[in-house]
Amino acid sequence: MYTADFESLRTHAVPRWFDDAKFGVFAHWTVGSVPAFAPVGSDPFTLAREHGEEMAFSHTPYAEWYWNSISIPGSPAEAYHRDVLGSPDYATFVDTFLTRAKEWDPSHWEDIFRRSGAKYCVFVTKHHDGVLLWPSEYPNPTRGERWQSERDLVGECASAARRAGMRFGVYYSGGIDWTFQGLGIKSWATLFSAIPQDDRYLGYANAHWRELIARYQPDVLWNDIGYPRFGEGAAPLMADFYNQNPDGVVNDRFDMIGVIQGRSHADFGTPEYTTRPLATDKKFEVCRGIGTSFGYTQFENASTYLPINELITMFVDIVADGGNLLLNFGAMPGGYIPWEQQLRLIAMGEWLKVNGAAIYASRPHEVTRLETDEGVPVRLTRGSDGQTYAIVCGRPNSATVTIDGLPSGEVSWLLDGGRVLRRGDVLTLPTRPDDTPAWTLRIS
């Protein structure tokens, strides 16, 4: 039995299913999809580094932060809200979103889930605006039932994901809820000071988390931006969750700083819009949108979404380094996944159909990076079958490829299973690979 203290919680091992999964889908379907506005540009962390914290918040590309963005005087969202939309109250967007959500066809998501090749789904149940996407027994104390869905969107997403053969996880904004406090956040300091620390909010957040666990039996607890009393406040919840579901996992965002400092527990880290984990000794899961926003914005299109070849080679790098990718789509108000986002999710699945043996249930290889004689990157993994896989991230100029330092053994090509003629580090394939973003060799 786990107890609500760090020494006990830290004994929880990352379950094999999570380490094996490699690829998950993140579903942001939020009220921000109604105004669907955010400046298209660099992620907030790059903006903060290059232009300062205030620019990162006032010009955030995250459409799901719309309510906060319009609360910052002079921001692009504030101007758009006033000049284009006529300054409506945010509650009008809530009403529109919840009305449109009644039209949602979860079979659309189920189909994309299945075709994506992802092994788990994490669904946003409450974002920073406090709107609940399930009919909770604990409605918002100031906004009431107007601030929650009559339709059980969480439960229907869970069912769709599980029908598609996936595990299910829940995202909950435990640290930020603008119906309590904090609107107008424009720095890291104001962000962290906006996290309520009182007993009232702690009880509210705990009640929601426990309701989500009891009702939907998630395998992933994906909290965001801290928690009241941080790691100490979340410890009883984690202990009870593990005692009910030893195969469950908890992310690091109940108390990210405490996790880095080694005084709070988490199963995995969550680098955002970067592939570099903060804690190198911990399992990590890269999270990012297909484009510049997690929530849907009408101003994104194929030119701002991550190109398929870059998406897949990024994924290869993450897996070869021991991580997972949680790739987000931002659904429109009625729940439709934009076409160009669908294409990228389906492309991931098509690529995994051919190359999945090098990805699913793999582990980092002792030799992790090589390159061809043409300078094309090669990433190595150790498959669940014990074989070495070399994933070549680019198209060679011919059917003959040289990879210096390639581990010894017979070589075959996953595309057709055909044997590759090998003379030392020089490989001759049956034909020149096509323009796939990455192709894989098995070495046995």
Protein backbone atom coordinates (compact mmCIF):
# COMPACT_ATOMS: atom_id res chain seq x y z
CA MET A 1 0.00 0.00 0.00
CA TYR A 2 1.24 3.47 -0.87
CA THR A 3 1.07 6.24 1.70
CA ALA A 4 0.87 10.00 1.18
CA ASP A 5 4.56 10.76 1.58
CA PHE A 6 7.46 11.14 -0.83
CA GLU A 7 9.42 8.12 0.40
CA SER A 8 6.47 5.84 -0.30
CA LEU A 9 5.38 7.42 -3.58
CA ARG A 10 8.89 7.39 -5.04
CA THR A 11 8.87 3.57 -4.92
CA HIS A 12 6.22 3.50 -7.63
CA ALA A 13 7.85 2.21 -10.82
CA VAL A 14 6.86 3.44 -14.27
CA PRO A 15 4.63 0.65 -15.61
CA ARG A 16 5.85 -1.18 -18.67
CA TRP A 17 2.82 -0.25 -20.77
CA PHE A 18 3.70 3.45 -20.57
CA ASP A 19 7.35 2.91 -21.45
CA ASP A 20 6.30 0.63 -24.32
CA ALA A 21 3.61 2.92 -25.73
CA LYS A 22 5.89 5.64 -27.19
CA PHE A 23 3.04 7.55 -28.83
CA GLY A 24 0.00 9.19 -27.30
CA VAL A 25 -2.62 11.65 -28.52
CA PHE A 26 -3.47 14.80 -26.53
CA ALA A 27 -6.98 16.20 -27.10
CA HIS A 28 -7.51 19.92 -26.46
CA TRP A 29 -11.16 20.77 -27.10
CA THR A 30 -11.80 23.96 -25.20
CA VAL A 31 -13.93 27.10 -25.08
CA GLY A 32 -11.06 28.98 -26.73
CA SER A 33 -11.96 27.19 -29.96
CA VAL A 34 -15.00 29.49 -30.29
CA PRO A 35 -13.13 32.81 -30.74
CA ALA A 36 -10.32 30.64 -32.16
CA PHE A 37 -7.76 33.45 -32.03
CA ALA A 38 -4.11 33.63 -31.10
CA PRO A 39 -1.09 35.14 -32.84
CA VAL A 40 0.61 32.47 -34.93
CA GLY A 41 4.29 32.36 -34.02
CA SER A 42 6.93 30.99 -31.70
CA ASP A 43 6.02 28.95 -28.65
CA PRO A 44 5.83 30.85 -25.33
CA PHE A 45 9.16 29.52 -24.10
CA THR A 46 10.99 30.79 -27.19
CA LEU A 47 9.14 34.12 -26.91
CA ALA A 48 10.18 34.44 -23.27
CA ARG A 49 13.79 33.62 -24.06
CA GLU A 50 14.04 35.98 -27.05
CA HIS A 51 11.63 38.80 -26.15
CA GLY A 52 10.89 38.56 -22.43
CA GLU A 53 8.17 37.11 -20.23
CA GLU A 54 5.52 39.76 -20.89
CA MET A 55 5.72 39.14 -24.64
CA ALA A 56 5.41 35.40 -24.01
CA PHE A 57 2.06 35.90 -22.29
CA SER A 58 0.64 38.86 -24.23
CA HIS A 59 1.49 37.27 -27.60
CA THR A 60 1.05 33.62 -26.67
CA PRO A 61 0.15 31.41 -29.64
CA TYR A 62 -1.99 29.25 -27.34
CA ALA A 63 -5.64 29.85 -28.30
CA GLU A 64 -6.84 28.07 -25.15
CA TRP A 65 -5.38 30.99 -23.16
CA TYR A 66 -7.76 33.45 -24.87
CA TRP A 67 -9.52 34.63 -21.69
CA ASN A 68 -6.20 35.55 -20.11
CA SER A 69 -4.85 37.09 -23.31
CA ILE A 70 -7.78 39.51 -23.67
CA SER A 71 -7.21 40.53 -20.05
CA ILE A 72 -3.76 41.93 -20.94
CA PRO A 73 -4.13 45.54 -22.22
CA GLY A 74 -2.54 46.03 -25.63
CA SER A 75 -2.30 42.34 -26.50
CA PRO A 76 -3.26 41.18 -30.01
CA ALA A 77 -6.10 39.12 -28.53
CA GLU A 78 -7.44 42.14 -26.60
CA ALA A 79 -7.52 44.16 -29.84
CA TYR A 80 -9.17 41.31 -31.76
CA HIS A 81 -11.75 40.81 -29.02
CA ARG A 82 -12.66 44.49 -29.05
CA ASP A 83 -12.36 45.43 -32.71
CA VAL A 84 -13.54 42.25 -34.42
CA LEU A 85 -15.85 40.56 -31.92
CA GLY A 86 -17.22 43.62 -30.13
CA SER A 87 -16.02 42.70 -26.59
CA PRO A 88 -18.55 40.00 -25.67
CA ASP A 89 -18.44 38.46 -22.20
CA TYR A 90 -16.41 35.23 -22.06
CA ALA A 91 -19.52 33.44 -20.82
CA THR A 92 -21.04 33.78 -24.30
CA PHE A 93 -18.22 31.63 -25.66
CA VAL A 94 -18.89 29.07 -22.92
CA ASP A 95 -22.56 28.87 -23.92
CA THR A 96 -21.68 28.51 -27.60
CA PHE A 97 -19.07 25.83 -26.93
CA LEU A 98 -21.33 23.69 -24.74
CA THR A 99 -24.18 24.02 -27.24
CA ARG A 100 -21.97 23.01 -30.15
CA ALA A 101 -20.54 20.12 -28.14
CA LYS A 102 -23.95 18.47 -28.25
CA GLU A 103 -23.33 17.89 -31.99
CA TRP A 104 -20.08 15.98 -31.45
CA ASP A 105 -19.69 12.58 -33.10
CA PRO A 106 -17.13 10.63 -31.04
CA SER A 107 -16.84 8.00 -33.80
CA HIS A 108 -14.88 10.63 -35.77
CA TRP A 109 -12.27 10.72 -33.00
CA GLU A 110 -12.33 6.94 -32.63
CA ASP A 111 -11.48 6.54 -36.30
CA ILE A 112 -8.57 8.98 -36.09
CA PHE A 113 -7.36 7.37 -32.85
CA ARG A 114 -7.29 3.96 -34.48
CA ARG A 115 -5.56 5.18 -37.63
CA SER A 116 -2.95 7.22 -35.72
CA GLY A 117 -1.15 4.24 -34.20
CA ALA A 118 -1.19 5.95 -30.80
CA LYS A 119 -1.40 3.75 -27.72
CA TYR A 120 -3.02 6.18 -25.29
CA CYS A 121 -5.11 9.33 -25.24
CA VAL A 122 -5.11 12.21 -22.74
CA PHE A 123 -8.28 14.33 -22.77
CA VAL A 124 -8.58 17.87 -21.37
CA THR A 125 -11.36 17.72 -18.76
CA LYS A 126 -10.92 21.24 -17.35
CA HIS A 127 -8.65 23.94 -18.71
CA HIS A 128 -7.64 27.21 -17.04
CA ASP A 129 -11.06 28.80 -17.63
CA GLY A 130 -12.59 26.29 -15.21
CA VAL A 131 -15.19 24.88 -17.64
CA LEU A 132 -15.88 21.20 -16.87
CA LEU A 133 -16.34 18.80 -19.77
CA TRP A 134 -18.31 16.31 -17.71
CA PRO A 135 -21.50 16.61 -15.60
CA SER A 136 -19.80 16.94 -12.25
CA GLU A 137 -21.42 16.62 -8.84
CA TYR A 138 -19.15 19.53 -7.84
CA PRO A 139 -20.12 22.49 -10.04
CA ASN A 140 -18.13 25.70 -10.09
CA PRO A 141 -18.96 27.63 -6.89
CA THR A 142 -19.30 31.00 -8.65
CA ARG A 143 -20.49 30.01 -12.15
CA GLY A 144 -22.63 27.01 -11.33
CA GLU A 145 -23.83 24.40 -13.82
CA ARG A 146 -23.59 26.91 -16.67
CA TRP A 147 -19.85 26.25 -16.47
CA GLN A 148 -20.04 22.50 -17.14
CA SER A 149 -21.23 20.15 -19.86
CA GLU A 150 -24.52 18.32 -19.54
CA ARG A 151 -23.16 15.77 -21.97
CA ASP A 152 -20.47 13.47 -20.58
CA LEU A 153 -17.74 14.40 -23.05
CA VAL A 154 -15.02 12.85 -20.86
CA GLY A 155 -16.80 9.51 -20.67
CA GLU A 156 -17.53 9.43 -24.39
CA CYS A 157 -13.91 10.19 -25.24
CA ALA A 158 -12.78 7.45 -22.85
CA SER A 159 -15.08 4.96 -24.56
CA ALA A 160 -13.91 6.01 -28.04
CA ALA A 161 -10.26 5.67 -27.03
CA ARG A 162 -10.76 2.27 -25.45
CA ARG A 163 -12.72 0.98 -28.45
CA ALA A 164 -9.69 2.01 -30.52
CA GLY A 165 -7.47 -0.14 -28.27
CA MET A 166 -5.94 2.76 -26.35
CA ARG A 167 -5.35 3.54 -22.70
CA PHE A 168 -7.08 6.64 -21.38
CA GLY A 169 -5.78 9.57 -19.36
CA VAL A 170 -7.24 12.81 -18.03
CA TYR A 171 -5.79 16.30 -18.07
CA TYR A 172 -6.97 18.69 -15.35
CA SER A 173 -5.76 22.23 -14.72
CA GLY A 174 -5.10 21.86 -11.01
CA GLY A 175 -3.07 25.02 -10.53
CA ILE A 176 -4.88 27.63 -12.61
CA ASP A 177 -8.61 28.34 -12.57
CA TRP A 178 -9.50 31.86 -13.65
CA THR A 179 -12.94 31.65 -12.05
CA PHE A 180 -11.08 31.73 -8.73
CA GLN A 181 -8.24 34.16 -9.45
CA GLY A 182 -5.37 35.11 -11.73
CA LEU A 183 -6.69 36.68 -14.95
CA GLY A 184 -4.13 38.96 -16.57
CA ILE A 185 -1.15 36.65 -16.01
CA LYS A 186 1.85 38.19 -17.82
CA SER A 187 4.93 36.73 -16.13
CA TRP A 188 6.12 33.51 -14.50
CA ALA A 189 5.79 35.22 -11.11
CA THR A 190 2.14 36.17 -11.68
CA LEU A 191 1.51 32.69 -13.05
CA PHE A 192 2.67 30.94 -9.89
CA SER A 193 1.06 33.51 -7.59
CA ALA A 194 -2.27 32.80 -9.35
CA ILE A 195 -2.35 29.22 -8.02
CA PRO A 196 -4.95 29.20 -5.21
CA GLN A 197 -3.55 27.83 -1.95
CA ASP A 198 -6.65 27.95 0.26
CA ASP A 199 -8.62 25.01 1.67
CA ARG A 200 -11.65 25.84 -0.47
CA TYR A 201 -9.85 25.42 -3.79
CA LEU A 202 -7.85 22.41 -2.59
CA GLY A 203 -11.12 20.68 -1.68
CA TYR A 204 -12.63 21.63 -5.03
CA ALA A 205 -9.69 20.34 -7.09
CA ASN A 206 -9.40 17.17 -5.00
CA ALA A 207 -13.11 16.48 -5.40
CA HIS A 208 -12.80 16.76 -9.18
CA TRP A 209 -9.72 14.58 -9.41
CA ARG A 210 -11.30 11.88 -7.25
CA GLU A 211 -14.52 12.06 -9.26
CA LEU A 212 -12.59 11.70 -12.53
CA ILE A 213 -10.66 8.69 -11.16
CA ALA A 214 -13.75 6.96 -9.76
CA ARG A 215 -15.92 7.58 -12.80
CA TYR A 216 -13.48 7.02 -15.69
CA GLN A 217 -10.71 4.79 -14.27
CA PRO A 218 -7.89 6.63 -16.06
CA ASP A 219 -4.38 5.25 -16.41
CA VAL A 220 -2.78 8.71 -16.65
CA LEU A 221 -3.21 11.70 -14.32
CA TRP A 222 -1.99 14.69 -16.33
CA ASN A 223 -2.12 17.73 -14.06
CA ASP A 224 -1.09 21.22 -15.21
CA ILE A 225 0.62 24.27 -13.66
CA GLY A 226 0.99 23.16 -10.07
CA TYR A 227 -1.52 22.40 -7.36
CA PRO A 228 -2.68 23.95 -4.10
CA ARG A 229 0.16 23.16 -1.66
CA PHE A 230 1.98 21.55 -4.60
CA GLY A 231 3.48 18.10 -3.95
CA GLU A 232 2.23 17.93 -0.39
CA GLY A 233 -1.30 18.79 -1.47
CA ALA A 234 -1.28 16.16 -4.21
CA ALA A 235 0.37 13.32 -2.26
CA PRO A 236 -2.84 11.82 -0.77
CA LEU A 237 -4.43 11.82 -4.21
CA MET A 238 -1.44 10.05 -5.76
CA ALA A 239 -1.31 7.41 -3.02
CA ASP A 240 -5.00 6.58 -3.38
CA PHE A 241 -4.67 6.49 -7.18
CA TYR A 242 -1.76 4.03 -7.08
CA ASN A 243 -3.53 1.84 -4.53
CA GLN A 244 -6.49 1.57 -6.91
CA ASN A 245 -4.41 1.35 -10.09
CA PRO A 246 -0.77 0.29 -9.63
CA ASP A 247 -0.35 0.54 -13.43
CA GLY A 248 -1.32 4.22 -13.38
CA VAL A 249 1.12 7.06 -14.04
CA VAL A 250 1.28 10.64 -12.74
CA ASN A 251 3.04 13.53 -14.48
CA ASP A 252 5.38 16.07 -12.93
CA ARG A 253 3.13 19.16 -13.06
CA PHE A 254 1.58 18.88 -9.63
CA ASP A 255 4.93 20.25 -8.44
CA MET A 256 7.46 20.52 -11.26
CA ILE A 257 10.06 22.42 -9.25
CA GLY A 258 9.74 19.97 -6.37
CA VAL A 259 10.27 17.05 -8.75
CA ILE A 260 13.41 18.65 -10.20
CA GLN A 261 14.71 19.28 -6.67
CA GLY A 262 14.01 15.69 -5.63
CA ARG A 263 11.38 16.38 -2.95
CA SER A 264 8.14 15.66 -4.84
CA HIS A 265 7.05 12.61 -6.79
CA ALA A 266 6.22 12.09 -10.45
CA ASP A 267 6.48 9.13 -12.82
CA PHE A 268 7.47 11.18 -15.86
CA GLY A 269 8.55 14.64 -16.96
CA THR A 270 6.71 16.73 -19.54
CA PRO A 271 8.96 18.91 -21.71
CA GLU A 272 6.76 21.19 -23.84
CA TYR A 273 7.69 22.26 -27.37
CA THR A 274 11.17 20.90 -26.77
CA THR A 275 12.64 17.40 -26.85
CA ARG A 276 15.01 18.04 -23.94
CA PRO A 277 13.78 16.67 -20.58
CA LEU A 278 14.34 18.76 -17.46
CA ALA A 279 15.22 15.72 -15.33
CA THR A 280 17.54 13.32 -17.16
CA ASP A 281 16.99 10.49 -14.65
CA LYS A 282 13.24 10.30 -15.28
CA LYS A 283 11.02 8.91 -18.00
CA PHE A 284 9.89 11.79 -20.18
CA GLU A 285 7.00 12.57 -22.49
CA VAL A 286 7.31 15.42 -24.97
CA CYS A 287 4.03 17.31 -25.38
CA ARG A 288 3.28 19.74 -28.18
CA GLY A 289 0.64 20.77 -30.65
CA ILE A 290 0.68 19.84 -34.31
CA GLY A 291 0.90 23.58 -34.88
CA THR A 292 1.78 26.55 -32.68
CA SER A 293 -1.27 26.17 -30.40
CA PHE A 294 -2.78 23.35 -28.38
CA GLY A 295 -6.32 24.69 -28.77
CA TYR A 296 -7.86 25.26 -32.20
CA THR A 297 -7.16 28.58 -33.88
CA GLN A 298 -8.69 29.57 -37.21
CA PHE A 299 -5.46 31.21 -38.38
CA GLU A 300 -3.37 28.05 -38.53
CA ASN A 301 -3.08 25.94 -41.66
CA ALA A 302 -0.68 23.64 -43.48
CA SER A 303 1.97 26.37 -43.55
CA THR A 304 2.10 26.61 -39.73
CA TYR A 305 1.57 22.95 -38.83
CA LEU A 306 4.67 20.83 -38.33
CA PRO A 307 5.53 19.16 -41.67
CA ILE A 308 5.02 15.40 -41.67
CA ASN A 309 8.67 14.63 -42.32
CA GLU A 310 9.78 16.83 -39.40
CA LEU A 311 7.11 15.34 -37.15
CA ILE A 312 8.25 11.79 -37.80
CA THR A 313 11.98 12.46 -37.51
CA MET A 314 11.33 14.35 -34.26
CA PHE A 315 9.36 11.34 -33.02
CA VAL A 316 12.24 9.02 -33.92
CA ASP A 317 14.67 11.19 -31.95
CA ILE A 318 12.38 11.22 -28.91
CA VAL A 319 11.96 7.44 -28.90
CA ALA A 320 15.65 6.77 -29.48
CA ASP A 321 16.37 8.94 -26.44
CA GLY A 322 13.91 6.93 -24.32
CA GLY A 323 10.89 9.23 -24.40
CA ASN A 324 7.27 9.26 -25.49
CA LEU A 325 5.53 11.79 -27.73
CA LEU A 326 2.13 13.15 -26.68
CA LEU A 327 0.98 14.86 -29.86
CA ASN A 328 -1.92 17.27 -29.49
CA PHE A 329 -4.79 18.06 -31.79
CA GLY A 330 -7.03 21.09 -31.28
CA ALA A 331 -10.64 20.30 -32.15
CA MET A 332 -13.12 22.86 -33.50
CA PRO A 333 -16.20 23.88 -31.45
CA GLY A 334 -18.33 20.98 -32.72
CA GLY A 335 -15.53 18.49 -32.10
CA TYR A 336 -14.24 18.17 -35.67
CA ILE A 337 -10.49 17.64 -35.99
CA PRO A 338 -9.15 20.01 -38.68
CA TRP A 339 -8.20 18.29 -41.92
CA GLU A 340 -4.50 19.10 -41.91
CA GLN A 341 -4.22 17.87 -38.32
CA GLN A 342 -5.97 14.64 -39.28
CA LEU A 343 -3.47 14.10 -42.09
CA ARG A 344 -0.54 14.28 -39.69
CA LEU A 345 -2.10 11.89 -37.20
CA ILE A 346 -2.92 9.42 -39.96
CA ALA A 347 0.59 9.80 -41.42
CA MET A 348 2.02 8.79 -38.04
CA GLY A 349 -0.09 5.64 -38.11
CA GLU A 350 0.87 4.77 -41.68
CA TRP A 351 4.55 5.19 -40.87
CA LEU A 352 4.21 3.08 -37.73
CA LYS A 353 2.56 0.25 -39.69
CA VAL A 354 5.88 -0.26 -41.47
CA ASN A 355 8.38 0.83 -38.83
CA GLY A 356 6.61 0.03 -35.56
CA ALA A 357 8.97 -2.82 -34.63
CA ALA A 358 11.70 -0.22 -34.12
CA ILE A 359 9.42 1.95 -31.98
CA TYR A 360 6.84 0.15 -29.85
CA ALA A 361 8.31 -1.47 -26.71
CA SER A 362 11.81 -0.46 -27.83
CA ARG A 363 14.55 0.84 -25.56
CA PRO A 364 17.53 3.11 -26.25
CA HIS A 365 20.45 1.32 -27.87
CA GLU A 366 23.92 1.55 -26.36
CA VAL A 367 24.95 3.11 -29.69
CA THR A 368 22.32 5.77 -30.23
CA ARG A 369 23.54 8.04 -33.06
CA LEU A 370 25.24 7.32 -36.36
CA GLU A 371 25.03 8.88 -39.81
CA THR A 372 25.35 7.80 -43.42
CA ASP A 373 28.23 8.78 -45.68
CA GLU A 374 25.88 11.46 -47.06
CA GLY A 375 25.39 12.95 -43.59
CA VAL A 376 21.89 11.60 -43.03
CA PRO A 377 21.14 11.02 -39.31
CA VAL A 378 20.66 7.42 -38.15
CA ARG A 379 19.05 6.63 -34.79
CA LEU A 380 19.33 3.17 -33.18
CA THR A 381 16.91 1.40 -30.86
CA ARG A 382 16.80 -2.02 -29.21
CA GLY A 383 13.55 -3.74 -30.16
CA SER A 384 11.39 -5.88 -27.91
CA ASP A 385 12.66 -8.86 -29.93
CA GLY A 386 16.22 -8.08 -28.84
CA GLN A 387 17.28 -6.98 -32.32
CA THR A 388 18.94 -3.71 -33.24
CA TYR A 389 17.01 -1.27 -35.41
CA ALA A 390 18.66 1.52 -37.38
CA ILE A 391 16.23 4.25 -38.42
CA VAL A 392 17.61 6.35 -41.27
CA CYS A 393 16.07 9.83 -41.19
CA GLY A 394 16.32 10.85 -44.82
CA ARG A 395 16.38 9.56 -48.38
CA PRO A 396 19.72 8.36 -49.81
CA ASN A 397 20.83 9.27 -53.30
CA SER A 398 20.94 5.64 -54.38
CA ALA A 399 20.27 2.09 -53.21
CA THR A 400 23.81 1.88 -51.79
CA VAL A 401 24.28 3.36 -48.33
CA THR A 402 27.31 3.45 -46.06
CA ILE A 403 26.78 3.71 -42.30
CA ASP A 404 30.08 3.77 -40.40
CA GLY A 405 29.93 1.98 -37.06
CA LEU A 406 26.77 0.01 -37.80
CA PRO A 407 26.56 -2.94 -35.37
CA SER A 408 27.47 -6.29 -36.88
CA GLY A 409 24.89 -8.76 -38.12
CA GLU A 410 22.64 -9.57 -41.04
CA VAL A 411 20.60 -6.63 -42.26
CA SER A 412 17.02 -6.58 -43.56
CA TRP A 413 14.73 -3.73 -44.55
CA LEU A 414 11.45 -3.42 -42.68
CA LEU A 415 9.63 -2.13 -45.75
CA ASP A 416 9.58 -5.49 -47.51
CA GLY A 417 11.53 -7.78 -45.18
CA GLY A 418 14.09 -8.34 -47.93
CA ARG A 419 17.68 -9.07 -47.09
CA VAL A 420 20.16 -6.26 -47.60
CA LEU A 421 23.54 -7.11 -49.12
CA ARG A 422 26.19 -6.07 -46.62
CA ARG A 423 29.93 -5.63 -47.14
CA GLY A 424 31.24 -4.17 -43.90
CA ASP A 425 29.48 -0.84 -43.43
CA VAL A 426 28.37 -0.65 -47.07
CA LEU A 427 24.76 -1.71 -47.62
CA THR A 428 23.03 -2.41 -50.92
CA LEU A 429 19.24 -2.33 -50.71
CA PRO A 430 16.89 -4.04 -53.19
CA THR A 431 15.89 -0.57 -54.40
CA ARG A 432 16.40 3.05 -53.46
CA PRO A 433 14.06 4.00 -50.60
CA ASP A 434 11.17 6.29 -51.51
CA ASP A 435 10.60 9.72 -49.99
CA THR A 436 9.40 8.43 -46.63
CA PRO A 437 10.66 10.65 -43.77
CA ALA A 438 12.54 7.71 -42.22
CA TRP A 439 13.14 4.08 -43.10
CA THR A 440 14.31 1.24 -40.91
CA LEU A 441 16.87 -1.56 -41.02
CA ARG A 442 16.79 -4.60 -38.72
CA ILE A 443 20.19 -5.99 -37.70
CA SER A 444 20.16 -9.56 -36.41
